[in-house]
Amino acid sequence: MKNDMLDFNVIKFFGINTCIGKNFRPLPVRWEFLSLGWVKINTDGTSRGYYGLATCGSIFCRSTGEFIGAFSAFLEVQTALVAEFYGVIHAMEEAQKMGLTNAWLEYDSALVCVAFIARTNVPWMLRNR
């Protein structure tokens, strides 16, 4: 199984009962508005497996929640960490092209955050970007 919607629909079609593992904890997720004049950028990157086909993308919204743009990029074969880096870097490049000066960037990779703060452990192919 790939745990995607197709798998779920097949299981549902055959009437198979499923149960959630005991370690499952739903987390509340909500989009929080920013101060006027700011743009929120939500970005993410992923790969299929540790080293596989990878992609990244971002969504840009005004402080009111109004959608102003998005992108996605196919990265060929990369690690998930490199895909996360590309997502952040592409988002910053797109923000610059759009002339955004007040941007709030959100992403979910602690390793990327630490690498940007410490300016270390950045994959070599991304250091000049």
C-alpha atoms as a PDB file:
ATOM      1  CA  MET A   1       0.000   0.000   0.000  1.00  0.00           C
ATOM      2  CA  LYS A   2       0.978   3.580  -0.579  1.00  0.00           C
ATOM      3  CA  ASN A   3      -1.547   4.965   1.936  1.00  0.00           C
ATOM      4  CA  ASP A   4      -3.101   7.266  -0.617  1.00  0.00           C
ATOM      5  CA  MET A   5      -6.748   7.986  -1.451  1.00  0.00           C
ATOM      6  CA  LEU A   6      -6.904   5.149  -3.995  1.00  0.00           C
ATOM      7  CA  ASP A   7      -5.851   2.632  -1.340  1.00  0.00           C
ATOM      8  CA  PHE A   8      -8.366   4.095   1.099  1.00  0.00           C
ATOM      9  CA  ASN A   9     -11.195   3.915  -1.452  1.00  0.00           C
ATOM     10  CA  VAL A  10     -10.368   0.267  -2.296  1.00  0.00           C
ATOM     11  CA  ILE A  11     -10.407  -0.670   1.391  1.00  0.00           C
ATOM     12  CA  LYS A  12     -13.699   1.197   1.839  1.00  0.00           C
ATOM     13  CA  PHE A  13     -15.204  -0.450  -1.276  1.00  0.00           C
ATOM     14  CA  PHE A  14     -14.559  -3.941   0.108  1.00  0.00           C
ATOM     15  CA  GLY A  15     -15.937  -2.963   3.529  1.00  0.00           C
ATOM     16  CA  ILE A  16     -12.707  -3.666   5.362  1.00  0.00           C
ATOM     17  CA  ASN A  17     -12.652  -2.219   8.859  1.00  0.00           C
ATOM     18  CA  THR A  18      -9.591  -0.200   9.743  1.00  0.00           C
ATOM     19  CA  CYS A  19      -8.295   1.078  13.009  1.00  0.00           C
ATOM     20  CA  ILE A  20      -5.921   3.850  13.846  1.00  0.00           C
ATOM     21  CA  GLY A  21      -2.728   2.826  15.619  1.00  0.00           C
ATOM     22  CA  LYS A  22      -2.462   3.628  19.306  1.00  0.00           C
ATOM     23  CA  ASN A  23       0.290   6.203  18.639  1.00  0.00           C
ATOM     24  CA  PHE A  24      -1.956   8.320  16.413  1.00  0.00           C
ATOM     25  CA  ARG A  25      -2.622  11.795  17.818  1.00  0.00           C
ATOM     26  CA  PRO A  26      -4.508  14.272  15.656  1.00  0.00           C
ATOM     27  CA  LEU A  27      -2.960  17.716  15.724  1.00  0.00           C
ATOM     28  CA  PRO A  28      -5.071  20.825  15.279  1.00  0.00           C
ATOM     29  CA  VAL A  29      -3.935  22.800  12.255  1.00  0.00           C
ATOM     30  CA  ARG A  30      -5.135  26.261  11.383  1.00  0.00           C
ATOM     31  CA  TRP A  31      -3.995  29.106   9.219  1.00  0.00           C
ATOM     32  CA  GLU A  32      -3.192  32.183  11.270  1.00  0.00           C
ATOM     33  CA  PHE A  33      -3.575  35.666   9.844  1.00  0.00           C
ATOM     34  CA  LEU A  34      -0.641  38.076   9.853  1.00  0.00           C
ATOM     35  CA  SER A  35      -0.507  41.825  10.370  1.00  0.00           C
ATOM     36  CA  LEU A  36      -1.697  43.961   7.453  1.00  0.00           C
ATOM     37  CA  GLY A  37       0.853  44.343   4.672  1.00  0.00           C
ATOM     38  CA  TRP A  38       2.480  40.961   5.249  1.00  0.00           C
ATOM     39  CA  VAL A  39       2.437  37.905   2.989  1.00  0.00           C
ATOM     40  CA  LYS A  40       2.472  34.377   4.367  1.00  0.00           C
ATOM     41  CA  ILE A  41       4.390  31.734   2.441  1.00  0.00           C
ATOM     42  CA  ASN A  42       3.775  28.093   3.314  1.00  0.00           C
ATOM     43  CA  THR A  43       6.311  25.782   1.715  1.00  0.00           C
ATOM     44  CA  ASP A  44       7.195  22.112   1.749  1.00  0.00           C
ATOM     45  CA  GLY A  45       9.367  19.599  -0.045  1.00  0.00           C
ATOM     46  CA  THR A  46       9.319  15.826  -0.173  1.00  0.00           C
ATOM     47  CA  SER A  47      10.761  12.788  -1.893  1.00  0.00           C
ATOM     48  CA  ARG A  48       9.440   9.302  -2.488  1.00  0.00           C
ATOM     49  CA  GLY A  49      11.513   7.295  -0.045  1.00  0.00           C
ATOM     50  CA  TYR A  50      14.855   8.395   1.376  1.00  0.00           C
ATOM     51  CA  TYR A  51      16.272   9.050  -2.080  1.00  0.00           C
ATOM     52  CA  GLY A  52      13.738   9.200  -4.855  1.00  0.00           C
ATOM     53  CA  LEU A  53      11.586  11.377  -7.068  1.00  0.00           C
ATOM     54  CA  ALA A  54      11.245  14.713  -5.300  1.00  0.00           C
ATOM     55  CA  THR A  55       9.161  17.857  -5.475  1.00  0.00           C
ATOM     56  CA  CYS A  56       8.623  21.102  -3.619  1.00  0.00           C
ATOM     57  CA  GLY A  57       6.076  23.878  -3.624  1.00  0.00           C
ATOM     58  CA  SER A  58       4.724  26.963  -1.899  1.00  0.00           C
ATOM     59  CA  ILE A  59       1.523  28.937  -1.488  1.00  0.00           C
ATOM     60  CA  PHE A  60       1.545  32.729  -1.125  1.00  0.00           C
ATOM     61  CA  CYS A  61      -1.345  34.496   0.675  1.00  0.00           C
ATOM     62  CA  ARG A  62      -1.897  38.080   1.757  1.00  0.00           C
ATOM     63  CA  SER A  63      -2.468  38.902   5.430  1.00  0.00           C
ATOM     64  CA  THR A  64      -6.220  38.765   4.727  1.00  0.00           C
ATOM     65  CA  GLY A  65      -5.963  35.149   3.524  1.00  0.00           C
ATOM     66  CA  GLU A  66      -6.299  36.134  -0.147  1.00  0.00           C
ATOM     67  CA  PHE A  67      -4.430  33.747  -2.451  1.00  0.00           C
ATOM     68  CA  ILE A  68      -1.823  35.573  -4.550  1.00  0.00           C
ATOM     69  CA  GLY A  69       0.251  32.765  -6.021  1.00  0.00           C
ATOM     70  CA  ALA A  70       1.769  29.326  -5.807  1.00  0.00           C
ATOM     71  CA  PHE A  71       4.399  27.184  -7.442  1.00  0.00           C
ATOM     72  CA  SER A  72       5.520  23.596  -7.539  1.00  0.00           C
ATOM     73  CA  ALA A  73       8.768  22.218  -8.884  1.00  0.00           C
ATOM     74  CA  PHE A  74       9.815  18.715  -9.873  1.00  0.00           C
ATOM     75  CA  LEU A  75      13.346  18.096  -8.581  1.00  0.00           C
ATOM     76  CA  GLU A  76      14.090  14.727 -10.204  1.00  0.00           C
ATOM     77  CA  VAL A  77      15.827  12.311  -7.788  1.00  0.00           C
ATOM     78  CA  GLN A  78      16.802  13.916  -4.463  1.00  0.00           C
ATOM     79  CA  THR A  79      16.628  13.280  -0.739  1.00  0.00           C
ATOM     80  CA  ALA A  80      13.744  14.673   1.299  1.00  0.00           C
ATOM     81  CA  LEU A  81      16.128  17.118   3.002  1.00  0.00           C
ATOM     82  CA  VAL A  82      17.321  18.547  -0.324  1.00  0.00           C
ATOM     83  CA  ALA A  83      13.670  18.871  -1.425  1.00  0.00           C
ATOM     84  CA  GLU A  84      12.921  20.839   1.769  1.00  0.00           C
ATOM     85  CA  PHE A  85      15.890  23.142   1.088  1.00  0.00           C
ATOM     86  CA  TYR A  86      14.771  23.688  -2.504  1.00  0.00           C
ATOM     87  CA  GLY A  87      11.266  24.535  -1.304  1.00  0.00           C
ATOM     88  CA  VAL A  88      12.549  27.284   0.991  1.00  0.00           C
ATOM     89  CA  ILE A  89      15.038  28.623  -1.545  1.00  0.00           C
ATOM     90  CA  HIS A  90      12.499  28.670  -4.413  1.00  0.00           C
ATOM     91  CA  ALA A  91       9.983  30.400  -2.126  1.00  0.00           C
ATOM     92  CA  MET A  92      12.477  33.143  -1.248  1.00  0.00           C
ATOM     93  CA  GLU A  93      13.418  33.590  -4.915  1.00  0.00           C
ATOM     94  CA  GLU A  94       9.747  33.836  -5.941  1.00  0.00           C
ATOM     95  CA  ALA A  95       9.049  36.328  -3.132  1.00  0.00           C
ATOM     96  CA  GLN A  96      11.909  38.476  -4.416  1.00  0.00           C
ATOM     97  CA  LYS A  97      10.577  38.290  -8.009  1.00  0.00           C
ATOM     98  CA  MET A  98       7.128  39.332  -6.742  1.00  0.00           C
ATOM     99  CA  GLY A  99       8.671  42.321  -4.949  1.00  0.00           C
ATOM    100  CA  LEU A 100       7.562  41.146  -1.521  1.00  0.00           C
ATOM    101  CA  THR A 101       9.367  42.879   1.319  1.00  0.00           C
ATOM    102  CA  ASN A 102       7.267  41.702   4.297  1.00  0.00           C
ATOM    103  CA  ALA A 103       7.080  37.937   4.005  1.00  0.00           C
ATOM    104  CA  TRP A 104       6.503  35.327   6.712  1.00  0.00           C
ATOM    105  CA  LEU A 105       7.888  31.946   5.664  1.00  0.00           C
ATOM    106  CA  GLU A 106       6.576  28.753   7.267  1.00  0.00           C
ATOM    107  CA  TYR A 107       8.007  25.285   6.677  1.00  0.00           C
ATOM    108  CA  ASP A 108       8.188  22.078   8.665  1.00  0.00           C
ATOM    109  CA  SER A 109      11.847  21.068   8.572  1.00  0.00           C
ATOM    110  CA  ALA A 110      13.819  21.654  11.764  1.00  0.00           C
ATOM    111  CA  LEU A 111      17.030  20.590   9.968  1.00  0.00           C
ATOM    112  CA  VAL A 112      16.575  23.302   7.334  1.00  0.00           C
ATOM    113  CA  CYS A 113      15.904  25.880  10.044  1.00  0.00           C
ATOM    114  CA  VAL A 114      19.042  24.935  11.977  1.00  0.00           C
ATOM    115  CA  ALA A 115      21.135  24.928   8.779  1.00  0.00           C
ATOM    116  CA  PHE A 116      20.010  28.449   7.833  1.00  0.00           C
ATOM    117  CA  ILE A 117      20.626  29.810  11.320  1.00  0.00           C
ATOM    118  CA  ALA A 118      24.040  28.143  11.769  1.00  0.00           C
ATOM    119  CA  ARG A 119      24.971  28.482   8.072  1.00  0.00           C
ATOM    120  CA  THR A 120      26.271  24.930   8.114  1.00  0.00           C
ATOM    121  CA  ASN A 121      25.141  21.550   6.823  1.00  0.00           C
ATOM    122  CA  VAL A 122      23.663  23.038   3.655  1.00  0.00           C
ATOM    123  CA  PRO A 123      23.959  20.519   0.793  1.00  0.00           C
ATOM    124  CA  TRP A 124      26.862  21.521  -1.470  1.00  0.00           C
ATOM    125  CA  MET A 125      24.711  21.942  -4.582  1.00  0.00           C
ATOM    126  CA  LEU A 126      22.633  24.603  -2.794  1.00  0.00           C
ATOM    127  CA  ARG A 127      25.330  26.632  -1.058  1.00  0.00           C
ATOM    128  CA  ASN A 128      25.649  29.267  -3.791  1.00  0.00           C
ATOM    129  CA  ARG A 129      21.880  29.727  -4.108  1.00  0.00           C
END
